[in-house]
Amino acid sequence: DEHPIIKSIYIPRLKVFISGCTSHLRIWDAVTGAIKCVIEHPESEITDFCVDDRGRKVFIANHDGEIKVYNSTTGCEIKKLTKHEQEISGMIYCRGDKNLMTVSWDHSIMVHDESEKSAKVLRVATHIHAGDIMCVAFSRHLGLIATGATDCVISLREYTRLRSISFLLGHKADIT
């Protein structure tokens, strides 16, 4: 690849690796090492990707705030989800709920219902940080979302309502 790899994941159920750079994803057969599928994404730089709980759908987020859903076997586009206003910096698939959580430099969190045929947003929280959101973590067991941003703050929120619970202060640099 001419571009650096931004992420790589293994899907044990399908015995494949997915590696992604800013322009495309490659799906590799873990047994043979052969490329099974390439998903080109020429519109805008890829910023993150993840898969659903069965590994059959690949969600690709980009610099323009778009989220596209692809079939992991064929590489065909299935649908687009609701767009953010700026770059998506992180995304997590919420196993069991069939939801996709995205965070963006527009200072927002969206929880998308990916089980619908068309785009459907279940919950949105805006202005959750003063700076760009750089990362997200999720615990289904605790029902908590943590986001870190360039404002040097970690924000804790409830998953079910996106209500603010607490802010973790004291960091001296950007949280990435």
N, C-alpha and C. Protein backbone atom coordinates (compact mmCIF):
# COMPACT_ATOMS: atom_id res chain seq x y z
N ASP A 1 0.83 -1.20 0.00
CA ASP A 1 0.00 0.00 0.00
C ASP A 1 0.86 1.25 0.00
N GLU A 2 0.36 2.26 -0.67
CA GLU A 2 1.07 3.54 -0.69
C GLU A 2 0.75 4.37 0.55
N HIS A 3 -0.37 4.06 1.22
CA HIS A 3 -0.80 4.80 2.38
C HIS A 3 -0.56 3.97 3.65
N PRO A 4 -0.32 4.64 4.78
CA PRO A 4 -0.11 3.87 6.02
C PRO A 4 -1.40 3.19 6.48
N ILE A 5 -1.26 2.03 7.07
CA ILE A 5 -2.41 1.30 7.60
C ILE A 5 -2.86 1.99 8.88
N ILE A 6 -4.17 2.31 8.97
CA ILE A 6 -4.69 3.00 10.14
C ILE A 6 -5.23 2.03 11.19
N LYS A 7 -5.60 0.81 10.74
CA LYS A 7 -6.20 -0.14 11.67
C LYS A 7 -6.25 -1.51 11.03
N SER A 8 -6.20 -2.54 11.86
CA SER A 8 -6.34 -3.91 11.39
C SER A 8 -7.12 -4.69 12.45
N ILE A 9 -8.07 -5.52 12.02
CA ILE A 9 -8.85 -6.32 12.96
C ILE A 9 -8.96 -7.75 12.45
N TYR A 10 -9.19 -8.68 13.38
CA TYR A 10 -9.39 -10.08 13.03
C TYR A 10 -10.82 -10.47 13.38
N ILE A 11 -11.47 -11.20 12.48
CA ILE A 11 -12.83 -11.68 12.71
C ILE A 11 -12.77 -13.21 12.76
N PRO A 12 -12.74 -13.79 13.97
CA PRO A 12 -12.58 -15.24 14.09
C PRO A 12 -13.71 -16.04 13.46
N ARG A 13 -14.92 -15.53 13.52
CA ARG A 13 -16.07 -16.25 12.96
C ARG A 13 -15.91 -16.51 11.45
N LEU A 14 -15.35 -15.52 10.74
CA LEU A 14 -15.16 -15.65 9.29
C LEU A 14 -13.73 -16.02 8.90
N LYS A 15 -12.84 -16.06 9.89
CA LYS A 15 -11.42 -16.34 9.65
C LYS A 15 -10.81 -15.39 8.63
N VAL A 16 -11.04 -14.09 8.87
CA VAL A 16 -10.48 -13.06 7.99
C VAL A 16 -9.87 -11.94 8.83
N PHE A 17 -8.89 -11.28 8.23
CA PHE A 17 -8.34 -10.04 8.75
C PHE A 17 -8.85 -8.92 7.86
N ILE A 18 -9.09 -7.76 8.46
CA ILE A 18 -9.41 -6.57 7.67
C ILE A 18 -8.36 -5.53 8.01
N SER A 19 -7.68 -5.03 6.99
CA SER A 19 -6.73 -3.95 7.19
C SER A 19 -7.23 -2.75 6.40
N GLY A 20 -7.00 -1.58 6.96
CA GLY A 20 -7.49 -0.38 6.29
C GLY A 20 -6.48 0.73 6.28
N CYS A 21 -6.42 1.43 5.17
CA CYS A 21 -5.63 2.65 5.08
C CYS A 21 -6.60 3.77 4.73
N THR A 22 -6.11 4.94 4.41
CA THR A 22 -6.99 6.09 4.19
C THR A 22 -7.80 6.01 2.89
N SER A 23 -7.44 5.11 1.98
CA SER A 23 -8.15 5.05 0.70
C SER A 23 -8.94 3.76 0.45
N HIS A 24 -8.67 2.69 1.20
CA HIS A 24 -9.37 1.43 0.97
C HIS A 24 -9.18 0.46 2.14
N LEU A 25 -10.03 -0.57 2.14
CA LEU A 25 -9.89 -1.69 3.09
C LEU A 25 -9.57 -2.94 2.29
N ARG A 26 -8.82 -3.82 2.89
CA ARG A 26 -8.55 -5.13 2.29
C ARG A 26 -9.01 -6.19 3.27
N ILE A 27 -9.72 -7.18 2.73
CA ILE A 27 -10.18 -8.30 3.54
C ILE A 27 -9.36 -9.51 3.12
N TRP A 28 -8.64 -10.08 4.10
CA TRP A 28 -7.67 -11.14 3.85
C TRP A 28 -8.17 -12.47 4.43
N ASP A 29 -7.96 -13.54 3.72
CA ASP A 29 -8.22 -14.87 4.24
C ASP A 29 -7.11 -15.19 5.24
N ALA A 30 -7.49 -15.46 6.49
CA ALA A 30 -6.49 -15.70 7.54
C ALA A 30 -5.76 -17.02 7.37
N VAL A 31 -6.36 -17.96 6.66
CA VAL A 31 -5.75 -19.27 6.47
C VAL A 31 -4.74 -19.26 5.32
N THR A 32 -5.14 -18.68 4.19
CA THR A 32 -4.28 -18.71 3.00
C THR A 32 -3.44 -17.45 2.83
N GLY A 33 -3.88 -16.36 3.43
CA GLY A 33 -3.17 -15.09 3.25
C GLY A 33 -3.57 -14.35 1.98
N ALA A 34 -4.52 -14.88 1.26
CA ALA A 34 -4.97 -14.26 0.01
C ALA A 34 -5.95 -13.12 0.28
N ILE A 35 -5.96 -12.15 -0.61
CA ILE A 35 -6.92 -11.06 -0.51
C ILE A 35 -8.26 -11.57 -1.04
N LYS A 36 -9.29 -11.48 -0.20
CA LYS A 36 -10.63 -11.93 -0.61
C LYS A 36 -11.43 -10.81 -1.26
N CYS A 37 -11.17 -9.57 -0.79
CA CYS A 37 -11.99 -8.46 -1.26
C CYS A 37 -11.27 -7.14 -0.96
N VAL A 38 -11.44 -6.17 -1.83
CA VAL A 38 -10.92 -4.82 -1.60
C VAL A 38 -12.11 -3.86 -1.69
N ILE A 39 -12.25 -3.03 -0.68
CA ILE A 39 -13.31 -2.02 -0.68
C ILE A 39 -12.65 -0.67 -0.87
N GLU A 40 -12.82 -0.12 -2.05
CA GLU A 40 -12.25 1.19 -2.38
C GLU A 40 -13.13 2.28 -1.77
N HIS A 41 -12.49 3.34 -1.31
CA HIS A 41 -13.21 4.47 -0.73
C HIS A 41 -12.55 5.76 -1.21
N PRO A 42 -12.75 6.12 -2.48
CA PRO A 42 -12.03 7.25 -3.06
C PRO A 42 -12.60 8.62 -2.72
N GLU A 43 -13.84 8.69 -2.20
CA GLU A 43 -14.50 9.97 -1.99
C GLU A 43 -13.78 10.85 -0.97
N SER A 44 -13.37 10.27 0.13
CA SER A 44 -12.76 11.01 1.24
C SER A 44 -11.92 10.04 2.05
N GLU A 45 -10.93 10.56 2.77
CA GLU A 45 -10.04 9.69 3.55
C GLU A 45 -10.79 8.93 4.64
N ILE A 46 -10.51 7.64 4.73
CA ILE A 46 -11.08 6.80 5.79
C ILE A 46 -10.43 7.20 7.11
N THR A 47 -11.28 7.38 8.14
CA THR A 47 -10.76 7.73 9.47
C THR A 47 -10.90 6.58 10.46
N ASP A 48 -11.89 5.70 10.24
CA ASP A 48 -12.08 4.55 11.14
C ASP A 48 -12.99 3.54 10.45
N PHE A 49 -12.97 2.31 10.95
CA PHE A 49 -13.89 1.28 10.48
C PHE A 49 -14.11 0.26 11.57
N CYS A 50 -15.22 -0.45 11.49
CA CYS A 50 -15.51 -1.55 12.40
C CYS A 50 -16.48 -2.50 11.71
N VAL A 51 -16.81 -3.61 12.36
CA VAL A 51 -17.72 -4.59 11.79
C VAL A 51 -18.87 -4.85 12.76
N ASP A 52 -19.96 -5.43 12.23
CA ASP A 52 -21.09 -5.79 13.08
C ASP A 52 -20.76 -7.04 13.88
N ASP A 53 -21.70 -7.49 14.69
CA ASP A 53 -21.43 -8.62 15.59
C ASP A 53 -21.21 -9.94 14.85
N ARG A 54 -21.68 -10.06 13.61
CA ARG A 54 -21.45 -11.28 12.83
C ARG A 54 -20.31 -11.15 11.85
N GLY A 55 -19.76 -9.96 11.72
CA GLY A 55 -18.65 -9.73 10.79
C GLY A 55 -19.09 -9.63 9.35
N ARG A 56 -20.37 -9.51 9.10
CA ARG A 56 -20.89 -9.49 7.73
C ARG A 56 -21.00 -8.08 7.15
N LYS A 57 -21.04 -7.08 8.02
CA LYS A 57 -21.11 -5.69 7.56
C LYS A 57 -19.87 -4.95 8.04
N VAL A 58 -19.33 -4.14 7.15
CA VAL A 58 -18.19 -3.28 7.49
C VAL A 58 -18.69 -1.83 7.45
N PHE A 59 -18.46 -1.10 8.52
CA PHE A 59 -18.84 0.31 8.61
C PHE A 59 -17.58 1.14 8.41
N ILE A 60 -17.63 2.05 7.45
CA ILE A 60 -16.46 2.88 7.16
C ILE A 60 -16.84 4.34 7.38
N ALA A 61 -16.05 5.02 8.22
CA ALA A 61 -16.25 6.45 8.50
C ALA A 61 -15.15 7.22 7.79
N ASN A 62 -15.47 8.47 7.40
CA ASN A 62 -14.47 9.23 6.68
C ASN A 62 -14.32 10.67 7.17
N HIS A 63 -13.40 11.34 6.53
CA HIS A 63 -13.03 12.71 6.88
C HIS A 63 -14.18 13.70 6.66
N ASP A 64 -15.11 13.38 5.77
CA ASP A 64 -16.25 14.26 5.48
C ASP A 64 -17.43 14.04 6.43
N GLY A 65 -17.31 13.11 7.39
CA GLY A 65 -18.38 12.85 8.34
C GLY A 65 -19.37 11.79 7.89
N GLU A 66 -19.07 11.11 6.78
CA GLU A 66 -19.98 10.10 6.25
C GLU A 66 -19.69 8.73 6.85
N ILE A 67 -20.75 7.89 6.89
CA ILE A 67 -20.61 6.50 7.31
C ILE A 67 -21.27 5.65 6.24
N LYS A 68 -20.49 4.75 5.66
CA LYS A 68 -21.03 3.85 4.65
C LYS A 68 -20.94 2.42 5.18
N VAL A 69 -21.92 1.61 4.79
CA VAL A 69 -21.99 0.22 5.22
C VAL A 69 -21.79 -0.67 3.99
N TYR A 70 -20.87 -1.63 4.11
CA TYR A 70 -20.53 -2.53 3.01
C TYR A 70 -20.70 -3.98 3.43
N ASN A 71 -20.96 -4.83 2.47
CA ASN A 71 -20.97 -6.27 2.68
C ASN A 71 -19.52 -6.73 2.77
N SER A 72 -19.16 -7.45 3.81
CA SER A 72 -17.75 -7.83 4.01
C SER A 72 -17.30 -8.95 3.07
N THR A 73 -18.22 -9.64 2.45
CA THR A 73 -17.86 -10.70 1.51
C THR A 73 -17.69 -10.17 0.09
N THR A 74 -18.64 -9.34 -0.34
CA THR A 74 -18.64 -8.86 -1.73
C THR A 74 -18.01 -7.49 -1.89
N GLY A 75 -17.99 -6.70 -0.82
CA GLY A 75 -17.48 -5.32 -0.90
C GLY A 75 -18.50 -4.35 -1.45
N CYS A 76 -19.73 -4.81 -1.68
CA CYS A 76 -20.78 -3.93 -2.22
C CYS A 76 -21.34 -3.02 -1.13
N GLU A 77 -21.60 -1.77 -1.52
CA GLU A 77 -22.20 -0.82 -0.59
C GLU A 77 -23.65 -1.23 -0.31
N ILE A 78 -24.01 -1.24 0.97
CA ILE A 78 -25.37 -1.60 1.37
C ILE A 78 -26.21 -0.35 1.60
N LYS A 79 -25.65 0.61 2.34
CA LYS A 79 -26.39 1.83 2.66
C LYS A 79 -25.45 2.87 3.25
N LYS A 80 -26.00 4.08 3.42
CA LYS A 80 -25.30 5.15 4.11
C LYS A 80 -26.06 5.46 5.39
N LEU A 81 -25.34 5.78 6.46
CA LEU A 81 -25.96 6.20 7.70
C LEU A 81 -25.93 7.72 7.79
N THR A 82 -26.60 8.27 8.78
CA THR A 82 -26.69 9.73 8.94
C THR A 82 -25.31 10.33 9.15
N LYS A 83 -25.06 11.39 8.42
CA LYS A 83 -23.75 12.04 8.37
C LYS A 83 -23.55 13.00 9.55
N HIS A 84 -22.29 13.08 10.02
CA HIS A 84 -21.87 14.12 10.96
C HIS A 84 -21.48 15.36 10.16
N GLU A 85 -21.34 16.49 10.84
CA GLU A 85 -20.97 17.73 10.15
C GLU A 85 -19.48 17.82 9.86
N GLN A 86 -18.66 17.09 10.62
CA GLN A 86 -17.22 17.10 10.42
C GLN A 86 -16.68 15.67 10.50
N GLU A 87 -15.36 15.55 10.46
CA GLU A 87 -14.68 14.25 10.46
C GLU A 87 -15.13 13.37 11.62
N ILE A 88 -15.35 12.09 11.31
CA ILE A 88 -15.64 11.10 12.34
C ILE A 88 -14.31 10.58 12.86
N SER A 89 -14.12 10.70 14.16
CA SER A 89 -12.84 10.32 14.76
C SER A 89 -12.88 8.96 15.43
N GLY A 90 -14.07 8.41 15.65
CA GLY A 90 -14.16 7.11 16.26
C GLY A 90 -15.53 6.49 16.09
N MET A 91 -15.56 5.17 16.07
CA MET A 91 -16.83 4.46 15.98
C MET A 91 -16.71 3.11 16.68
N ILE A 92 -17.82 2.69 17.27
CA ILE A 92 -17.87 1.41 17.98
C ILE A 92 -19.20 0.74 17.65
N TYR A 93 -19.14 -0.55 17.33
CA TYR A 93 -20.37 -1.31 17.14
C TYR A 93 -20.81 -1.84 18.50
N CYS A 94 -22.07 -1.58 18.85
CA CYS A 94 -22.63 -1.99 20.14
C CYS A 94 -23.29 -3.36 19.98
N ARG A 95 -22.54 -4.38 20.29
CA ARG A 95 -23.01 -5.76 20.12
C ARG A 95 -24.27 -6.00 20.94
N GLY A 96 -25.20 -6.75 20.38
CA GLY A 96 -26.45 -7.07 21.07
C GLY A 96 -27.54 -6.04 20.82
N ASP A 97 -27.18 -4.79 20.60
CA ASP A 97 -28.17 -3.75 20.37
C ASP A 97 -28.35 -3.44 18.88
N LYS A 98 -27.44 -3.93 18.05
CA LYS A 98 -27.40 -3.60 16.62
C LYS A 98 -27.35 -2.09 16.40
N ASN A 99 -26.54 -1.45 17.22
CA ASN A 99 -26.33 0.00 17.13
C ASN A 99 -24.88 0.29 16.79
N LEU A 100 -24.67 1.41 16.13
CA LEU A 100 -23.34 1.90 15.84
C LEU A 100 -23.20 3.27 16.49
N MET A 101 -22.17 3.43 17.31
CA MET A 101 -21.91 4.70 17.97
C MET A 101 -20.77 5.41 17.25
N THR A 102 -20.97 6.69 16.91
CA THR A 102 -19.94 7.46 16.23
C THR A 102 -19.69 8.76 16.99
N VAL A 103 -18.43 9.20 16.99
CA VAL A 103 -18.06 10.49 17.57
C VAL A 103 -17.32 11.29 16.50
N SER A 104 -17.42 12.62 16.63
CA SER A 104 -16.91 13.45 15.54
C SER A 104 -16.26 14.73 16.06
N TRP A 105 -15.51 15.34 15.15
CA TRP A 105 -14.92 16.65 15.44
C TRP A 105 -15.99 17.73 15.52
N ASP A 106 -17.24 17.41 15.20
CA ASP A 106 -18.32 18.37 15.39
C ASP A 106 -18.82 18.39 16.84
N HIS A 107 -18.09 17.70 17.73
CA HIS A 107 -18.31 17.67 19.18
C HIS A 107 -19.58 16.90 19.54
N SER A 108 -19.94 15.91 18.74
CA SER A 108 -21.18 15.17 18.99
C SER A 108 -20.96 13.66 19.01
N ILE A 109 -21.95 12.98 19.63
CA ILE A 109 -22.05 11.52 19.60
C ILE A 109 -23.38 11.20 18.93
N MET A 110 -23.37 10.21 18.04
CA MET A 110 -24.61 9.69 17.46
C MET A 110 -24.67 8.19 17.71
N VAL A 111 -25.87 7.71 18.04
CA VAL A 111 -26.12 6.28 18.13
C VAL A 111 -27.08 5.94 17.00
N HIS A 112 -26.59 5.16 16.04
CA HIS A 112 -27.35 4.81 14.84
C HIS A 112 -27.95 3.42 15.01
N ASP A 113 -29.19 3.25 14.56
CA ASP A 113 -29.80 1.92 14.49
C ASP A 113 -29.42 1.34 13.15
N GLU A 114 -28.50 0.40 13.14
CA GLU A 114 -28.01 -0.13 11.86
C GLU A 114 -28.87 -1.28 11.35
N SER A 115 -29.84 -1.72 12.14
CA SER A 115 -30.67 -2.84 11.70
C SER A 115 -31.74 -2.41 10.69
N GLU A 116 -32.03 -1.13 10.60
CA GLU A 116 -33.02 -0.61 9.66
C GLU A 116 -32.42 -0.56 8.25
N LYS A 117 -33.30 -0.60 7.23
CA LYS A 117 -32.83 -0.52 5.85
C LYS A 117 -32.37 0.88 5.50
N SER A 118 -32.99 1.89 6.11
CA SER A 118 -32.58 3.27 5.85
C SER A 118 -31.93 3.84 7.12
N ALA A 119 -31.29 4.99 6.95
CA ALA A 119 -30.57 5.61 8.07
C ALA A 119 -31.55 6.02 9.17
N LYS A 120 -31.20 5.67 10.41
CA LYS A 120 -32.03 6.03 11.55
C LYS A 120 -31.13 6.31 12.75
N VAL A 121 -31.22 7.51 13.28
CA VAL A 121 -30.44 7.87 14.47
C VAL A 121 -31.34 7.72 15.69
N LEU A 122 -30.88 6.96 16.67
CA LEU A 122 -31.65 6.75 17.90
C LEU A 122 -31.42 7.85 18.92
N ARG A 123 -30.16 8.28 19.05
CA ARG A 123 -29.82 9.30 20.05
C ARG A 123 -28.68 10.16 19.53
N VAL A 124 -28.70 11.44 19.92
CA VAL A 124 -27.63 12.38 19.58
C VAL A 124 -27.34 13.24 20.80
N ALA A 125 -26.08 13.48 21.06
CA ALA A 125 -25.67 14.46 22.08
C ALA A 125 -24.68 15.39 21.39
N THR A 126 -24.93 16.69 21.51
CA THR A 126 -24.07 17.69 20.87
C THR A 126 -23.36 18.52 21.93
N HIS A 127 -22.32 19.19 21.52
CA HIS A 127 -21.54 20.09 22.39
C HIS A 127 -21.06 19.36 23.66
N ILE A 128 -20.59 18.14 23.50
CA ILE A 128 -20.16 17.38 24.68
C ILE A 128 -18.72 17.69 25.08
N HIS A 129 -17.99 18.36 24.21
CA HIS A 129 -16.63 18.82 24.51
C HIS A 129 -16.43 20.20 23.92
N ALA A 130 -15.46 20.93 24.48
CA ALA A 130 -15.09 22.23 23.91
C ALA A 130 -14.13 22.05 22.74
N GLY A 131 -13.42 20.91 22.70
CA GLY A 131 -12.49 20.61 21.61
C GLY A 131 -12.97 19.44 20.78
N ASP A 132 -12.18 19.11 19.76
CA ASP A 132 -12.51 17.99 18.88
C ASP A 132 -12.45 16.68 19.65
N ILE A 133 -13.48 15.83 19.48
CA ILE A 133 -13.47 14.51 20.10
C ILE A 133 -12.49 13.64 19.33
N MET A 134 -11.58 13.00 20.04
CA MET A 134 -10.52 12.21 19.40
C MET A 134 -10.69 10.70 19.59
N CYS A 135 -11.40 10.28 20.65
CA CYS A 135 -11.52 8.84 20.91
C CYS A 135 -12.78 8.55 21.70
N VAL A 136 -13.18 7.29 21.65
CA VAL A 136 -14.38 6.84 22.36
C VAL A 136 -14.15 5.42 22.88
N ALA A 137 -14.72 5.14 24.05
CA ALA A 137 -14.72 3.79 24.62
C ALA A 137 -16.12 3.52 25.15
N PHE A 138 -16.49 2.24 25.19
CA PHE A 138 -17.86 1.88 25.54
C PHE A 138 -17.86 0.62 26.39
N SER A 139 -18.67 0.63 27.45
CA SER A 139 -18.90 -0.57 28.26
C SER A 139 -20.39 -0.84 28.28
N ARG A 140 -20.81 -1.91 27.63
CA ARG A 140 -22.23 -2.29 27.64
C ARG A 140 -22.61 -2.74 29.04
N HIS A 141 -21.71 -3.44 29.71
CA HIS A 141 -21.96 -3.95 31.06
C HIS A 141 -22.27 -2.80 32.03
N LEU A 142 -21.50 -1.72 31.96
CA LEU A 142 -21.71 -0.58 32.84
C LEU A 142 -22.69 0.44 32.25
N GLY A 143 -22.96 0.33 30.96
CA GLY A 143 -23.85 1.29 30.30
C GLY A 143 -23.23 2.67 30.19
N LEU A 144 -21.90 2.70 29.99
CA LEU A 144 -21.18 3.97 29.96
C LEU A 144 -20.41 4.17 28.66
N ILE A 145 -20.32 5.44 28.27
CA ILE A 145 -19.51 5.87 27.13
C ILE A 145 -18.49 6.86 27.68
N ALA A 146 -17.24 6.73 27.27
CA ALA A 146 -16.21 7.71 27.62
C ALA A 146 -15.67 8.29 26.32
N THR A 147 -15.59 9.62 26.27
CA THR A 147 -15.00 10.29 25.11
C THR A 147 -13.85 11.17 25.58
N GLY A 148 -12.79 11.22 24.79
CA GLY A 148 -11.65 12.08 25.08
C GLY A 148 -11.49 13.08 23.96
N ALA A 149 -11.01 14.29 24.30
CA ALA A 149 -10.95 15.34 23.30
C ALA A 149 -9.72 16.22 23.45
N THR A 150 -9.58 17.13 22.49
CA THR A 150 -8.46 18.07 22.51
C THR A 150 -8.60 19.12 23.61
N ASP A 151 -9.72 19.14 24.32
CA ASP A 151 -9.89 20.06 25.46
C ASP A 151 -9.30 19.48 26.74
N CYS A 152 -8.62 18.32 26.64
CA CYS A 152 -7.94 17.65 27.76
C CYS A 152 -8.92 17.11 28.81
N VAL A 153 -10.13 16.79 28.39
CA VAL A 153 -11.17 16.30 29.29
C VAL A 153 -11.69 14.96 28.77
N ILE A 154 -12.00 14.05 29.72
CA ILE A 154 -12.71 12.83 29.40
C ILE A 154 -14.14 13.01 29.91
N SER A 155 -15.10 12.80 29.03
CA SER A 155 -16.52 12.94 29.38
C SER A 155 -17.12 11.55 29.52
N LEU A 156 -17.82 11.30 30.65
CA LEU A 156 -18.54 10.04 30.86
C LEU A 156 -20.03 10.29 30.67
N ARG A 157 -20.68 9.42 29.89
CA ARG A 157 -22.11 9.57 29.60
C ARG A 157 -22.82 8.23 29.71
N GLU A 158 -24.11 8.30 30.01
CA GLU A 158 -24.95 7.11 29.98
C GLU A 158 -25.16 6.69 28.53
N TYR A 159 -25.13 5.41 28.27
CA TYR A 159 -25.36 4.91 26.92
C TYR A 159 -26.83 5.06 26.50
N THR A 160 -27.75 4.79 27.43
CA THR A 160 -29.16 4.75 27.07
C THR A 160 -29.76 6.12 26.74
N ARG A 161 -29.29 7.19 27.40
CA ARG A 161 -29.85 8.53 27.14
C ARG A 161 -28.80 9.56 26.73
N LEU A 162 -27.52 9.16 26.75
CA LEU A 162 -26.40 10.05 26.45
C LEU A 162 -26.31 11.22 27.44
N ARG A 163 -26.91 11.03 28.62
CA ARG A 163 -26.87 12.04 29.67
C ARG A 163 -25.48 12.09 30.28
N SER A 164 -25.00 13.31 30.52
CA SER A 164 -23.68 13.49 31.12
C SER A 164 -23.67 13.00 32.57
N ILE A 165 -22.63 12.24 32.90
CA ILE A 165 -22.49 11.73 34.27
C ILE A 165 -21.37 12.45 35.00
N SER A 166 -20.22 12.58 34.33
CA SER A 166 -19.06 13.16 34.99
C SER A 166 -18.03 13.59 33.97
N PHE A 167 -17.12 14.46 34.40
CA PHE A 167 -15.98 14.85 33.59
C PHE A 167 -14.72 14.49 34.37
N LEU A 168 -13.78 13.87 33.70
CA LEU A 168 -12.51 13.51 34.31
C LEU A 168 -11.49 14.56 33.90
N LEU A 169 -11.12 15.38 34.87
CA LEU A 169 -10.24 16.53 34.63
C LEU A 169 -8.83 16.24 35.11
N GLY A 170 -7.89 17.07 34.74
CA GLY A 170 -6.53 16.93 35.23
C GLY A 170 -5.51 16.56 34.18
N HIS A 171 -5.95 16.28 32.98
CA HIS A 171 -5.01 15.97 31.91
C HIS A 171 -4.36 17.27 31.42
N LYS A 172 -3.10 17.19 31.07
CA LYS A 172 -2.35 18.37 30.63
C LYS A 172 -2.18 18.45 29.12
N ALA A 173 -2.60 17.41 28.42
CA ALA A 173 -2.43 17.37 26.95
C ALA A 173 -3.69 16.77 26.31
N ASP A 174 -3.76 16.88 24.99
CA ASP A 174 -4.87 16.31 24.25
C ASP A 174 -5.04 14.84 24.60
N ILE A 175 -6.27 14.37 24.61
CA ILE A 175 -6.55 12.96 24.84
C ILE A 175 -6.83 12.34 23.48
N THR A 176 -5.98 11.38 23.08
CA THR A 176 -6.11 10.80 21.75
C THR A 176 -6.26 9.29 21.81
